[in-house]
Amino acid sequence: MNLLIVGASRGLGAAFAQGLPAAGDRVWMVSRQPPQFPDPADGVQRLWIEADMAAADGVPRIVAALGDGAIDGLIYNVGIWEKTAFSDAYRFEQVSPLEHQRILQVNLGAAIDCVQAVLPHLRRSRQARVIFISSISGVENVGSPEVGYVASKFGLRGVTHALRETLRPEGIPVSCLNPGMIATEIPYEAGIDAVLAAFHQSQIPVQDVVAMVGCILSLSPAACVKEIHMPALADTWA
């Protein structure tokens, strides 16, 4: 299996790069900073593509690095938010237009550009899939106030649904996963018990999100997962 993980330097992206592939697989890891490479003894070939999804040359860098290879799974995991997001300090009127534009470009615009650019690589696969990592904040009636972030995640869900219809005739399913708060500060190798001990049921272990994406990737070409909402159990607002 050949995987392209966009947003793979740390946290959930690093967990995808560690937990999804098996021996003999190849993973392209896209990020601005060098990613955390797992033990190479697992037999997985991991390649770093240095690219900034906010920059004009971000997507072309990915395409150049891929060459003529096939992509079996594209996971778009990039996500940024307002500096004061998810805190009492957030004030919509204090967020600059440039900050809003950057959020929309990285979370939404670059996602569209990326799929469009690597479509030839997806077509070379016998069983390609596209998976967008959105957010529970982009789901109806959740109540998140962060305008730029929420708009980008709502938009990413719309991109998912439109691309699914566009690529349906080619047999390329497009899915969207909307997780709640994820315990990204606890590394994948620490295990689920460490997350449960620290957060009980208020944050999701990265292992759970990896397992969900792995399940989608393992399905037969007859199955199409449209969208999954995955809040933490204790997130009563979600």
C-alpha atoms as a PDB file:
ATOM      1  CA  MET A   1       0.000   0.000   0.000  1.00  0.00           C
ATOM      2  CA  ASN A   2       1.213   3.488  -0.879  1.00  0.00           C
ATOM      3  CA  LEU A   3      -0.007   6.252   1.440  1.00  0.00           C
ATOM      4  CA  LEU A   4       0.251  10.020   1.150  1.00  0.00           C
ATOM      5  CA  ILE A   5      -0.261  11.718   4.514  1.00  0.00           C
ATOM      6  CA  VAL A   6      -0.479  15.496   4.283  1.00  0.00           C
ATOM      7  CA  GLY A   7       0.224  16.943   7.719  1.00  0.00           C
ATOM      8  CA  ALA A   8       2.449  14.245   9.199  1.00  0.00           C
ATOM      9  CA  SER A   9       5.098  15.919  11.331  1.00  0.00           C
ATOM     10  CA  ARG A  10       3.587  15.268  14.760  1.00  0.00           C
ATOM     11  CA  GLY A  11       0.420  14.422  16.660  1.00  0.00           C
ATOM     12  CA  LEU A  12      -2.255  12.634  14.685  1.00  0.00           C
ATOM     13  CA  GLY A  13      -0.299  12.742  11.421  1.00  0.00           C
ATOM     14  CA  ALA A  14       2.708  11.086  13.030  1.00  0.00           C
ATOM     15  CA  ALA A  15       0.364   8.468  14.502  1.00  0.00           C
ATOM     16  CA  PHE A  16      -1.033   7.751  11.022  1.00  0.00           C
ATOM     17  CA  ALA A  17       2.488   7.278   9.668  1.00  0.00           C
ATOM     18  CA  GLN A  18       3.300   4.895  12.496  1.00  0.00           C
ATOM     19  CA  GLY A  19       0.070   2.944  12.905  1.00  0.00           C
ATOM     20  CA  LEU A  20      -1.409   2.612   9.412  1.00  0.00           C
ATOM     21  CA  PRO A  21       1.293   1.012   7.213  1.00  0.00           C
ATOM     22  CA  ALA A  22       2.569  -2.550   7.369  1.00  0.00           C
ATOM     23  CA  ALA A  23       5.894  -4.023   6.318  1.00  0.00           C
ATOM     24  CA  GLY A  24       6.499  -3.434   2.630  1.00  0.00           C
ATOM     25  CA  ASP A  25       4.272  -0.347   2.453  1.00  0.00           C
ATOM     26  CA  ARG A  26       5.466   3.090   1.379  1.00  0.00           C
ATOM     27  CA  VAL A  27       4.420   6.327   3.072  1.00  0.00           C
ATOM     28  CA  TRP A  28       5.022   9.871   1.849  1.00  0.00           C
ATOM     29  CA  MET A  29       4.882  12.222   4.836  1.00  0.00           C
ATOM     30  CA  VAL A  30       4.154  15.873   3.991  1.00  0.00           C
ATOM     31  CA  SER A  31       4.995  18.600   6.501  1.00  0.00           C
ATOM     32  CA  ARG A  32       6.870  21.856   6.976  1.00  0.00           C
ATOM     33  CA  GLN A  33       9.149  20.445   9.675  1.00  0.00           C
ATOM     34  CA  PRO A  34      10.958  17.077   9.683  1.00  0.00           C
ATOM     35  CA  PRO A  35       8.529  14.409  10.908  1.00  0.00           C
ATOM     36  CA  GLN A  36       9.040  11.972  13.749  1.00  0.00           C
ATOM     37  CA  PHE A  37      10.193   8.833  11.965  1.00  0.00           C
ATOM     38  CA  PRO A  38       9.246   5.564  13.685  1.00  0.00           C
ATOM     39  CA  ASP A  39      11.681   2.657  13.998  1.00  0.00           C
ATOM     40  CA  PRO A  40      12.740   1.696  10.445  1.00  0.00           C
ATOM     41  CA  ALA A  41      12.918  -1.918  11.559  1.00  0.00           C
ATOM     42  CA  ASP A  42       9.172  -2.251  10.925  1.00  0.00           C
ATOM     43  CA  GLY A  43       9.872  -2.623   7.205  1.00  0.00           C
ATOM     44  CA  VAL A  44       7.939   0.478   6.119  1.00  0.00           C
ATOM     45  CA  GLN A  45       9.536   2.913   3.679  1.00  0.00           C
ATOM     46  CA  ARG A  46       8.830   6.453   4.864  1.00  0.00           C
ATOM     47  CA  LEU A  47       9.755   9.478   2.763  1.00  0.00           C
ATOM     48  CA  TRP A  48       9.546  13.108   3.838  1.00  0.00           C
ATOM     49  CA  ILE A  49       8.157  15.754   1.473  1.00  0.00           C
ATOM     50  CA  GLU A  50       8.966  19.224   2.791  1.00  0.00           C
ATOM     51  CA  ALA A  51       6.006  21.407   1.851  1.00  0.00           C
ATOM     52  CA  ASP A  52       3.980  24.240   3.356  1.00  0.00           C
ATOM     53  CA  MET A  53       0.307  24.034   2.396  1.00  0.00           C
ATOM     54  CA  ALA A  54      -0.019  27.791   2.905  1.00  0.00           C
ATOM     55  CA  ALA A  55       2.605  28.448   0.223  1.00  0.00           C
ATOM     56  CA  ALA A  56       2.051  28.571  -3.522  1.00  0.00           C
ATOM     57  CA  ASP A  57       4.677  25.878  -4.100  1.00  0.00           C
ATOM     58  CA  GLY A  58       3.288  23.481  -1.481  1.00  0.00           C
ATOM     59  CA  VAL A  59       1.234  21.247  -3.772  1.00  0.00           C
ATOM     60  CA  PRO A  60       3.782  21.323  -6.651  1.00  0.00           C
ATOM     61  CA  ARG A  61       6.429  20.086  -4.195  1.00  0.00           C
ATOM     62  CA  ILE A  62       4.241  17.082  -3.399  1.00  0.00           C
ATOM     63  CA  VAL A  63       3.658  16.252  -7.056  1.00  0.00           C
ATOM     64  CA  ALA A  64       7.363  16.545  -7.868  1.00  0.00           C
ATOM     65  CA  ALA A  65       8.298  14.198  -5.021  1.00  0.00           C
ATOM     66  CA  LEU A  66       5.737  11.562  -5.980  1.00  0.00           C
ATOM     67  CA  GLY A  67       7.051  11.172  -9.492  1.00  0.00           C
ATOM     68  CA  ASP A  68       5.027   8.572 -11.378  1.00  0.00           C
ATOM     69  CA  GLY A  69       4.054   6.544  -8.323  1.00  0.00           C
ATOM     70  CA  ALA A  70       0.559   5.347  -7.488  1.00  0.00           C
ATOM     71  CA  ILE A  71      -1.290   6.471  -4.366  1.00  0.00           C
ATOM     72  CA  ASP A  72      -3.650   4.012  -2.696  1.00  0.00           C
ATOM     73  CA  GLY A  73      -4.651   6.293   0.151  1.00  0.00           C
ATOM     74  CA  LEU A  74      -4.560  10.088   0.415  1.00  0.00           C
ATOM     75  CA  ILE A  75      -5.111  11.338   3.956  1.00  0.00           C
ATOM     76  CA  TYR A  76      -5.439  15.112   4.222  1.00  0.00           C
ATOM     77  CA  ASN A  77      -4.747  15.811   7.896  1.00  0.00           C
ATOM     78  CA  VAL A  78      -3.688  19.468   7.785  1.00  0.00           C
ATOM     79  CA  GLY A  79      -5.519  21.814  10.113  1.00  0.00           C
ATOM     80  CA  ILE A  80      -4.767  25.202  11.651  1.00  0.00           C
ATOM     81  CA  TRP A  81      -6.948  27.525  13.711  1.00  0.00           C
ATOM     82  CA  GLU A  82      -7.081  30.975  15.238  1.00  0.00           C
ATOM     83  CA  LYS A  83      -4.349  31.769  17.770  1.00  0.00           C
ATOM     84  CA  THR A  84      -6.930  32.142  20.534  1.00  0.00           C
ATOM     85  CA  ALA A  85      -9.197  29.304  19.392  1.00  0.00           C
ATOM     86  CA  PHE A  86     -10.739  26.925  21.939  1.00  0.00           C
ATOM     87  CA  SER A  87     -10.215  29.363  24.798  1.00  0.00           C
ATOM     88  CA  ASP A  88     -12.069  32.142  26.566  1.00  0.00           C
ATOM     89  CA  ALA A  89      -9.690  34.611  24.906  1.00  0.00           C
ATOM     90  CA  TYR A  90     -11.191  34.055  21.432  1.00  0.00           C
ATOM     91  CA  ARG A  91     -12.829  37.169  19.978  1.00  0.00           C
ATOM     92  CA  PHE A  92     -13.992  37.134  16.375  1.00  0.00           C
ATOM     93  CA  GLU A  93     -13.424  40.874  15.920  1.00  0.00           C
ATOM     94  CA  GLN A  94      -9.791  40.534  16.987  1.00  0.00           C
ATOM     95  CA  VAL A  95      -8.884  37.983  14.309  1.00  0.00           C
ATOM     96  CA  SER A  96      -7.258  39.657  11.317  1.00  0.00           C
ATOM     97  CA  PRO A  97      -8.469  39.063   7.743  1.00  0.00           C
ATOM     98  CA  LEU A  98      -5.034  37.629   6.937  1.00  0.00           C
ATOM     99  CA  GLU A  99      -5.393  35.043   9.684  1.00  0.00           C
ATOM    100  CA  HIS A 100      -8.835  34.052   8.407  1.00  0.00           C
ATOM    101  CA  GLN A 101      -7.484  33.781   4.860  1.00  0.00           C
ATOM    102  CA  ARG A 102      -4.591  31.572   5.974  1.00  0.00           C
ATOM    103  CA  ILE A 103      -6.917  29.216   7.845  1.00  0.00           C
ATOM    104  CA  LEU A 104      -9.236  28.893   4.846  1.00  0.00           C
ATOM    105  CA  GLN A 105      -6.330  28.352   2.460  1.00  0.00           C
ATOM    106  CA  VAL A 106      -4.573  25.671   4.512  1.00  0.00           C
ATOM    107  CA  ASN A 107      -7.634  23.776   5.721  1.00  0.00           C
ATOM    108  CA  LEU A 108      -9.799  24.074   2.627  1.00  0.00           C
ATOM    109  CA  GLY A 109      -8.228  25.577  -0.484  1.00  0.00           C
ATOM    110  CA  ALA A 110      -5.053  23.509  -0.328  1.00  0.00           C
ATOM    111  CA  ALA A 111      -7.106  20.347   0.232  1.00  0.00           C
ATOM    112  CA  ILE A 112      -8.907  20.905  -3.065  1.00  0.00           C
ATOM    113  CA  ASP A 113      -5.654  21.743  -4.855  1.00  0.00           C
ATOM    114  CA  CYS A 114      -3.924  18.676  -3.425  1.00  0.00           C
ATOM    115  CA  VAL A 115      -6.547  16.172  -4.572  1.00  0.00           C
ATOM    116  CA  GLN A 116      -6.727  17.789  -7.994  1.00  0.00           C
ATOM    117  CA  ALA A 117      -2.946  17.630  -8.401  1.00  0.00           C
ATOM    118  CA  VAL A 118      -2.476  14.017  -7.269  1.00  0.00           C
ATOM    119  CA  LEU A 119      -5.522  12.653  -9.082  1.00  0.00           C
ATOM    120  CA  PRO A 120      -3.300  10.994 -11.729  1.00  0.00           C
ATOM    121  CA  HIS A 121      -1.502   9.126  -8.922  1.00  0.00           C
ATOM    122  CA  LEU A 122      -4.803   7.993  -7.415  1.00  0.00           C
ATOM    123  CA  ARG A 123      -5.955   6.769 -10.816  1.00  0.00           C
ATOM    124  CA  ARG A 124      -2.864   4.555 -11.058  1.00  0.00           C
ATOM    125  CA  SER A 125      -4.014   2.611  -8.007  1.00  0.00           C
ATOM    126  CA  ARG A 126      -6.306  -0.396  -8.248  1.00  0.00           C
ATOM    127  CA  GLN A 127      -8.134   0.672  -5.094  1.00  0.00           C
ATOM    128  CA  ALA A 128      -7.563   4.322  -4.206  1.00  0.00           C
ATOM    129  CA  ARG A 129      -9.304   6.221  -1.410  1.00  0.00           C
ATOM    130  CA  VAL A 130      -9.319   9.825  -0.245  1.00  0.00           C
ATOM    131  CA  ILE A 131      -9.883  10.596   3.438  1.00  0.00           C
ATOM    132  CA  PHE A 132     -10.229  14.118   4.817  1.00  0.00           C
ATOM    133  CA  ILE A 133      -9.707  14.709   8.536  1.00  0.00           C
ATOM    134  CA  SER A 134     -12.200  17.440   9.372  1.00  0.00           C
ATOM    135  CA  SER A 135     -13.494  18.215  12.871  1.00  0.00           C
ATOM    136  CA  ILE A 136     -16.557  17.869  15.044  1.00  0.00           C
ATOM    137  CA  SER A 137     -16.447  21.689  15.117  1.00  0.00           C
ATOM    138  CA  GLY A 138     -17.583  21.615  11.489  1.00  0.00           C
ATOM    139  CA  VAL A 139     -20.744  19.663  12.261  1.00  0.00           C
ATOM    140  CA  GLU A 140     -24.196  21.199  12.670  1.00  0.00           C
ATOM    141  CA  ASN A 141     -25.316  22.369  16.119  1.00  0.00           C
ATOM    142  CA  VAL A 142     -21.993  21.837  17.885  1.00  0.00           C
ATOM    143  CA  GLY A 143     -21.658  25.471  18.921  1.00  0.00           C
ATOM    144  CA  SER A 144     -17.990  26.213  18.257  1.00  0.00           C
ATOM    145  CA  PRO A 145     -17.525  30.001  17.873  1.00  0.00           C
ATOM    146  CA  GLU A 146     -14.230  30.048  15.921  1.00  0.00           C
ATOM    147  CA  VAL A 147     -15.451  31.508  12.625  1.00  0.00           C
ATOM    148  CA  GLY A 148     -12.485  30.822  10.357  1.00  0.00           C
ATOM    149  CA  TYR A 149     -11.800  27.329  11.660  1.00  0.00           C
ATOM    150  CA  VAL A 150     -15.441  26.257  11.689  1.00  0.00           C
ATOM    151  CA  ALA A 151     -16.028  27.651   8.195  1.00  0.00           C
ATOM    152  CA  SER A 152     -13.026  25.743   6.849  1.00  0.00           C
ATOM    153  CA  LYS A 153     -14.166  22.462   8.400  1.00  0.00           C
ATOM    154  CA  PHE A 154     -17.753  22.874   7.216  1.00  0.00           C
ATOM    155  CA  GLY A 155     -16.295  23.580   3.793  1.00  0.00           C
ATOM    156  CA  LEU A 156     -14.110  20.488   3.904  1.00  0.00           C
ATOM    157  CA  ARG A 157     -17.208  18.385   4.459  1.00  0.00           C
ATOM    158  CA  GLY A 158     -18.752  19.976   1.369  1.00  0.00           C
ATOM    159  CA  VAL A 159     -15.612  19.245  -0.631  1.00  0.00           C
ATOM    160  CA  THR A 160     -15.862  15.620   0.493  1.00  0.00           C
ATOM    161  CA  HIS A 161     -19.431  15.213  -0.722  1.00  0.00           C
ATOM    162  CA  ALA A 162     -18.820  16.946  -4.058  1.00  0.00           C
ATOM    163  CA  LEU A 163     -15.604  15.053  -4.774  1.00  0.00           C
ATOM    164  CA  ARG A 164     -17.332  11.779  -3.946  1.00  0.00           C
ATOM    165  CA  GLU A 165     -19.815  12.376  -6.751  1.00  0.00           C
ATOM    166  CA  THR A 166     -17.066  13.580  -9.079  1.00  0.00           C
ATOM    167  CA  LEU A 167     -14.889  10.508  -8.492  1.00  0.00           C
ATOM    168  CA  ARG A 168     -17.644   7.925  -8.064  1.00  0.00           C
ATOM    169  CA  PRO A 169     -17.538   6.886 -11.760  1.00  0.00           C
ATOM    170  CA  GLU A 170     -13.811   6.184 -11.365  1.00  0.00           C
ATOM    171  CA  GLY A 171     -14.335   4.009  -8.301  1.00  0.00           C
ATOM    172  CA  ILE A 172     -12.467   6.319  -5.906  1.00  0.00           C
ATOM    173  CA  PRO A 173     -14.389   6.702  -2.612  1.00  0.00           C
ATOM    174  CA  VAL A 174     -14.029   9.967  -0.694  1.00  0.00           C
ATOM    175  CA  SER A 175     -14.629   9.994   3.061  1.00  0.00           C
ATOM    176  CA  CYS A 176     -14.635  12.573   5.838  1.00  0.00           C
ATOM    177  CA  LEU A 177     -13.822  11.872   9.490  1.00  0.00           C
ATOM    178  CA  ASN A 178     -14.908  14.460  12.062  1.00  0.00           C
ATOM    179  CA  PRO A 179     -13.118  13.772  15.367  1.00  0.00           C
ATOM    180  CA  GLY A 180     -13.550  15.708  18.572  1.00  0.00           C
ATOM    181  CA  MET A 181     -10.750  16.636  20.940  1.00  0.00           C
ATOM    182  CA  ILE A 182      -7.765  14.329  20.362  1.00  0.00           C
ATOM    183  CA  ALA A 183      -5.011  13.687  22.904  1.00  0.00           C
ATOM    184  CA  THR A 184      -2.243  14.497  20.430  1.00  0.00           C
ATOM    185  CA  GLU A 185       0.251  15.426  23.139  1.00  0.00           C
ATOM    186  CA  ILE A 186       0.451  11.786  24.229  1.00  0.00           C
ATOM    187  CA  PRO A 187       2.464   9.893  21.589  1.00  0.00           C
ATOM    188  CA  TYR A 188       1.156   6.873  19.757  1.00  0.00           C
ATOM    189  CA  GLU A 189       3.665   4.508  21.343  1.00  0.00           C
ATOM    190  CA  ALA A 190       2.500   5.472  24.867  1.00  0.00           C
ATOM    191  CA  GLY A 191      -0.697   3.507  24.312  1.00  0.00           C
ATOM    192  CA  ILE A 192      -4.390   4.043  24.947  1.00  0.00           C
ATOM    193  CA  ASP A 193      -4.189   3.421  28.696  1.00  0.00           C
ATOM    194  CA  ALA A 194      -1.966   6.486  29.112  1.00  0.00           C
ATOM    195  CA  VAL A 195      -4.616   8.657  27.435  1.00  0.00           C
ATOM    196  CA  LEU A 196      -7.463   7.202  29.490  1.00  0.00           C
ATOM    197  CA  ALA A 197      -5.487   7.753  32.688  1.00  0.00           C
ATOM    198  CA  ALA A 198      -4.787  11.378  31.788  1.00  0.00           C
ATOM    199  CA  PHE A 199      -8.136  12.406  30.273  1.00  0.00           C
ATOM    200  CA  HIS A 200     -10.619   9.618  31.080  1.00  0.00           C
ATOM    201  CA  GLN A 201     -13.223  10.079  28.300  1.00  0.00           C
ATOM    202  CA  SER A 202     -12.748  13.768  27.520  1.00  0.00           C
ATOM    203  CA  GLN A 203     -10.123  13.298  24.787  1.00  0.00           C
ATOM    204  CA  ILE A 204      -9.786  10.639  22.092  1.00  0.00           C
ATOM    205  CA  PRO A 205      -6.607   8.535  21.879  1.00  0.00           C
ATOM    206  CA  VAL A 206      -4.834   8.921  18.540  1.00  0.00           C
ATOM    207  CA  GLN A 207      -4.962   5.126  18.328  1.00  0.00           C
ATOM    208  CA  ASP A 208      -8.752   5.271  17.973  1.00  0.00           C
ATOM    209  CA  VAL A 209      -8.560   7.681  15.048  1.00  0.00           C
ATOM    210  CA  VAL A 210      -5.830   5.595  13.426  1.00  0.00           C
ATOM    211  CA  ALA A 211      -8.006   2.493  13.838  1.00  0.00           C
ATOM    212  CA  MET A 212     -10.971   4.226  12.204  1.00  0.00           C
ATOM    213  CA  VAL A 213      -8.930   5.395   9.215  1.00  0.00           C
ATOM    214  CA  GLY A 214      -7.332   1.970   8.963  1.00  0.00           C
ATOM    215  CA  CYS A 215     -10.774   0.392   8.834  1.00  0.00           C
ATOM    216  CA  ILE A 216     -11.822   2.669   5.958  1.00  0.00           C
ATOM    217  CA  LEU A 217      -8.635   1.874   4.037  1.00  0.00           C
ATOM    218  CA  SER A 218      -9.182  -1.870   4.509  1.00  0.00           C
ATOM    219  CA  LEU A 219     -12.680  -1.959   2.997  1.00  0.00           C
ATOM    220  CA  SER A 220     -13.446  -3.551  -0.326  1.00  0.00           C
ATOM    221  CA  PRO A 221     -13.947  -1.298  -3.365  1.00  0.00           C
ATOM    222  CA  ALA A 222     -17.690  -1.920  -3.076  1.00  0.00           C
ATOM    223  CA  ALA A 223     -17.931   0.049   0.195  1.00  0.00           C
ATOM    224  CA  CYS A 224     -18.039   3.829   0.456  1.00  0.00           C
ATOM    225  CA  VAL A 225     -17.914   5.483   3.866  1.00  0.00           C
ATOM    226  CA  LYS A 226     -19.369   8.951   3.416  1.00  0.00           C
ATOM    227  CA  GLU A 227     -18.809  10.594   6.784  1.00  0.00           C
ATOM    228  CA  ILE A 228     -18.123   9.657  10.401  1.00  0.00           C
ATOM    229  CA  HIS A 229     -18.679  11.865  13.458  1.00  0.00           C
ATOM    230  CA  MET A 230     -16.338  10.861  16.286  1.00  0.00           C
ATOM    231  CA  PRO A 231     -16.589  13.068  19.392  1.00  0.00           C
ATOM    232  CA  ALA A 232     -15.151  12.112  22.749  1.00  0.00           C
ATOM    233  CA  LEU A 233     -17.797  10.493  24.925  1.00  0.00           C
ATOM    234  CA  ALA A 234     -17.548  13.204  27.588  1.00  0.00           C
ATOM    235  CA  ASP A 235     -17.979  16.003  24.997  1.00  0.00           C
ATOM    236  CA  THR A 236     -21.660  16.609  25.755  1.00  0.00           C
ATOM    237  CA  TRP A 237     -21.586  19.732  23.571  1.00  0.00           C
ATOM    238  CA  ALA A 238     -20.762  17.550  20.565  1.00  0.00           C
END
